[in-house]
Amino acid sequence: MISPNKEPPVASSREFVKQSSLYQEFLAEREEILKHKWLESERLGYDIGFERALLDWIRKHREGWRAARRQNLAHPGPGSSLPFSTAGGKQH
């Protein structure tokens, strides 16, 4: 007999996490930070590293990006595929 307090299988726990909205937000934000890192590294001519890109993106773009994302998730336009940029909805 299976104990009622038994943990779910690891594979199903992983799938649950992958489907969670929090994890999806994390992945979307990480993607924007990586885009910002690439753009800034290209502009400056050297790899600025993830930590610098992260801090710069948070300081310059996070608030606008989140506001645009919330608005787009609440009121998606026709044919919207949720393209967000590091400039709070504007492409670099």
C-alpha atoms as a PDB file:
ATOM      1  CA  MET A   1       0.000   0.000   0.000  1.00  0.00           C
ATOM      2  CA  ILE A   2       1.226   3.502  -0.823  1.00  0.00           C
ATOM      3  CA  SER A   3       1.678   5.912   2.051  1.00  0.00           C
ATOM      4  CA  PRO A   4      -0.512   9.060   1.786  1.00  0.00           C
ATOM      5  CA  ASN A   5       2.494  11.234   2.706  1.00  0.00           C
ATOM      6  CA  LYS A   6       4.721   9.831  -0.036  1.00  0.00           C
ATOM      7  CA  GLU A   7       6.390  12.455  -2.223  1.00  0.00           C
ATOM      8  CA  PRO A   8       5.408  12.515  -5.920  1.00  0.00           C
ATOM      9  CA  PRO A   9       7.910  11.071  -8.401  1.00  0.00           C
ATOM     10  CA  VAL A  10      10.781  13.409  -9.260  1.00  0.00           C
ATOM     11  CA  ALA A  11       9.851  13.532 -12.967  1.00  0.00           C
ATOM     12  CA  SER A  12       6.325  14.782 -12.222  1.00  0.00           C
ATOM     13  CA  SER A  13       7.730  17.366  -9.791  1.00  0.00           C
ATOM     14  CA  ARG A  14      10.039  18.662 -12.512  1.00  0.00           C
ATOM     15  CA  GLU A  15       7.154  18.927 -14.968  1.00  0.00           C
ATOM     16  CA  PHE A  16       5.107  20.821 -12.400  1.00  0.00           C
ATOM     17  CA  VAL A  17       7.944  23.312 -11.914  1.00  0.00           C
ATOM     18  CA  LYS A  18       8.454  23.730 -15.671  1.00  0.00           C
ATOM     19  CA  GLN A  19       4.756  24.524 -16.093  1.00  0.00           C
ATOM     20  CA  SER A  20       4.582  26.985 -13.196  1.00  0.00           C
ATOM     21  CA  SER A  21       4.029  30.645 -13.997  1.00  0.00           C
ATOM     22  CA  LEU A  22       6.866  31.643 -11.660  1.00  0.00           C
ATOM     23  CA  TYR A  23       9.335  29.503 -13.586  1.00  0.00           C
ATOM     24  CA  GLN A  24       8.025  30.832 -16.902  1.00  0.00           C
ATOM     25  CA  GLU A  25       8.571  34.402 -15.642  1.00  0.00           C
ATOM     26  CA  PHE A  26      12.092  33.486 -14.561  1.00  0.00           C
ATOM     27  CA  LEU A  27      12.884  32.063 -18.008  1.00  0.00           C
ATOM     28  CA  ALA A  28      11.450  35.110 -19.801  1.00  0.00           C
ATOM     29  CA  GLU A  29      13.428  37.509 -17.614  1.00  0.00           C
ATOM     30  CA  ARG A  30      16.610  35.469 -18.017  1.00  0.00           C
ATOM     31  CA  GLU A  31      16.194  35.587 -21.794  1.00  0.00           C
ATOM     32  CA  GLU A  32      15.945  39.385 -21.682  1.00  0.00           C
ATOM     33  CA  ILE A  33      19.073  39.614 -19.527  1.00  0.00           C
ATOM     34  CA  LEU A  34      20.975  37.421 -21.988  1.00  0.00           C
ATOM     35  CA  LYS A  35      19.807  39.625 -24.890  1.00  0.00           C
ATOM     36  CA  HIS A  36      20.929  42.697 -22.974  1.00  0.00           C
ATOM     37  CA  LYS A  37      24.306  41.052 -22.264  1.00  0.00           C
ATOM     38  CA  TRP A  38      24.798  40.316 -25.948  1.00  0.00           C
ATOM     39  CA  LEU A  39      23.772  43.798 -27.091  1.00  0.00           C
ATOM     40  CA  GLU A  40      25.917  45.600 -24.524  1.00  0.00           C
ATOM     41  CA  SER A  41      28.885  43.304 -25.167  1.00  0.00           C
ATOM     42  CA  GLU A  42      28.616  43.998 -28.908  1.00  0.00           C
ATOM     43  CA  ARG A  43      28.314  47.740 -28.298  1.00  0.00           C
ATOM     44  CA  LEU A  44      31.351  47.822 -25.998  1.00  0.00           C
ATOM     45  CA  GLY A  45      33.438  45.333 -27.967  1.00  0.00           C
ATOM     46  CA  TYR A  46      33.987  42.842 -25.155  1.00  0.00           C
ATOM     47  CA  ASP A  47      31.995  40.356 -23.072  1.00  0.00           C
ATOM     48  CA  ILE A  48      30.555  42.262 -20.099  1.00  0.00           C
ATOM     49  CA  GLY A  49      29.631  39.066 -18.240  1.00  0.00           C
ATOM     50  CA  PHE A  50      26.297  37.930 -16.878  1.00  0.00           C
ATOM     51  CA  GLU A  51      26.495  39.665 -13.499  1.00  0.00           C
ATOM     52  CA  ARG A  52      27.171  43.103 -14.998  1.00  0.00           C
ATOM     53  CA  ALA A  53      24.439  42.561 -17.598  1.00  0.00           C
ATOM     54  CA  LEU A  54      22.013  41.437 -14.886  1.00  0.00           C
ATOM     55  CA  LEU A  55      22.629  44.469 -12.686  1.00  0.00           C
ATOM     56  CA  ASP A  56      22.533  46.889 -15.630  1.00  0.00           C
ATOM     57  CA  TRP A  57      19.310  45.365 -16.987  1.00  0.00           C
ATOM     58  CA  ILE A  58      17.638  45.467 -13.570  1.00  0.00           C
ATOM     59  CA  ARG A  59      18.617  49.106 -13.111  1.00  0.00           C
ATOM     60  CA  LYS A  60      17.652  50.265 -16.610  1.00  0.00           C
ATOM     61  CA  HIS A  61      14.957  47.960 -17.965  1.00  0.00           C
ATOM     62  CA  ARG A  62      13.339  45.577 -15.479  1.00  0.00           C
ATOM     63  CA  GLU A  63      10.529  47.826 -14.274  1.00  0.00           C
ATOM     64  CA  GLY A  64       9.442  48.792 -17.794  1.00  0.00           C
ATOM     65  CA  TRP A  65       9.777  45.242 -19.070  1.00  0.00           C
ATOM     66  CA  ARG A  66       7.635  43.875 -16.258  1.00  0.00           C
ATOM     67  CA  ALA A  67       4.974  46.562 -16.746  1.00  0.00           C
ATOM     68  CA  ALA A  68       4.821  45.859 -20.482  1.00  0.00           C
ATOM     69  CA  ARG A  69       4.701  42.114 -19.850  1.00  0.00           C
ATOM     70  CA  ARG A  70       1.885  42.432 -17.309  1.00  0.00           C
ATOM     71  CA  GLN A  71      -0.088  44.638 -19.676  1.00  0.00           C
ATOM     72  CA  ASN A  72       0.463  42.318 -22.619  1.00  0.00           C
ATOM     73  CA  LEU A  73      -0.466  39.247 -20.578  1.00  0.00           C
ATOM     74  CA  ALA A  74      -3.624  40.974 -19.318  1.00  0.00           C
ATOM     75  CA  HIS A  75      -4.624  42.377 -22.733  1.00  0.00           C
ATOM     76  CA  PRO A  76      -2.854  40.514 -25.537  1.00  0.00           C
ATOM     77  CA  GLY A  77      -3.265  42.127 -28.931  1.00  0.00           C
ATOM     78  CA  PRO A  78      -4.221  40.253 -32.079  1.00  0.00           C
ATOM     79  CA  GLY A  79      -1.431  37.906 -33.132  1.00  0.00           C
ATOM     80  CA  SER A  80       0.561  38.712 -30.012  1.00  0.00           C
ATOM     81  CA  SER A  81       3.377  36.271 -29.356  1.00  0.00           C
ATOM     82  CA  LEU A  82       4.667  38.176 -26.311  1.00  0.00           C
ATOM     83  CA  PRO A  83       7.831  39.658 -27.843  1.00  0.00           C
ATOM     84  CA  PHE A  84       9.537  41.723 -25.175  1.00  0.00           C
ATOM     85  CA  SER A  85      12.755  43.595 -25.368  1.00  0.00           C
ATOM     86  CA  THR A  86      15.249  44.897 -22.875  1.00  0.00           C
ATOM     87  CA  ALA A  87      13.915  48.420 -23.262  1.00  0.00           C
ATOM     88  CA  GLY A  88      10.503  47.871 -21.688  1.00  0.00           C
ATOM     89  CA  GLY A  89       8.705  47.004 -24.887  1.00  0.00           C
ATOM     90  CA  LYS A  90      10.977  48.850 -27.324  1.00  0.00           C
ATOM     91  CA  GLN A  91      13.489  47.000 -29.454  1.00  0.00           C
ATOM     92  CA  HIS A  92      17.142  48.078 -29.188  1.00  0.00           C
END
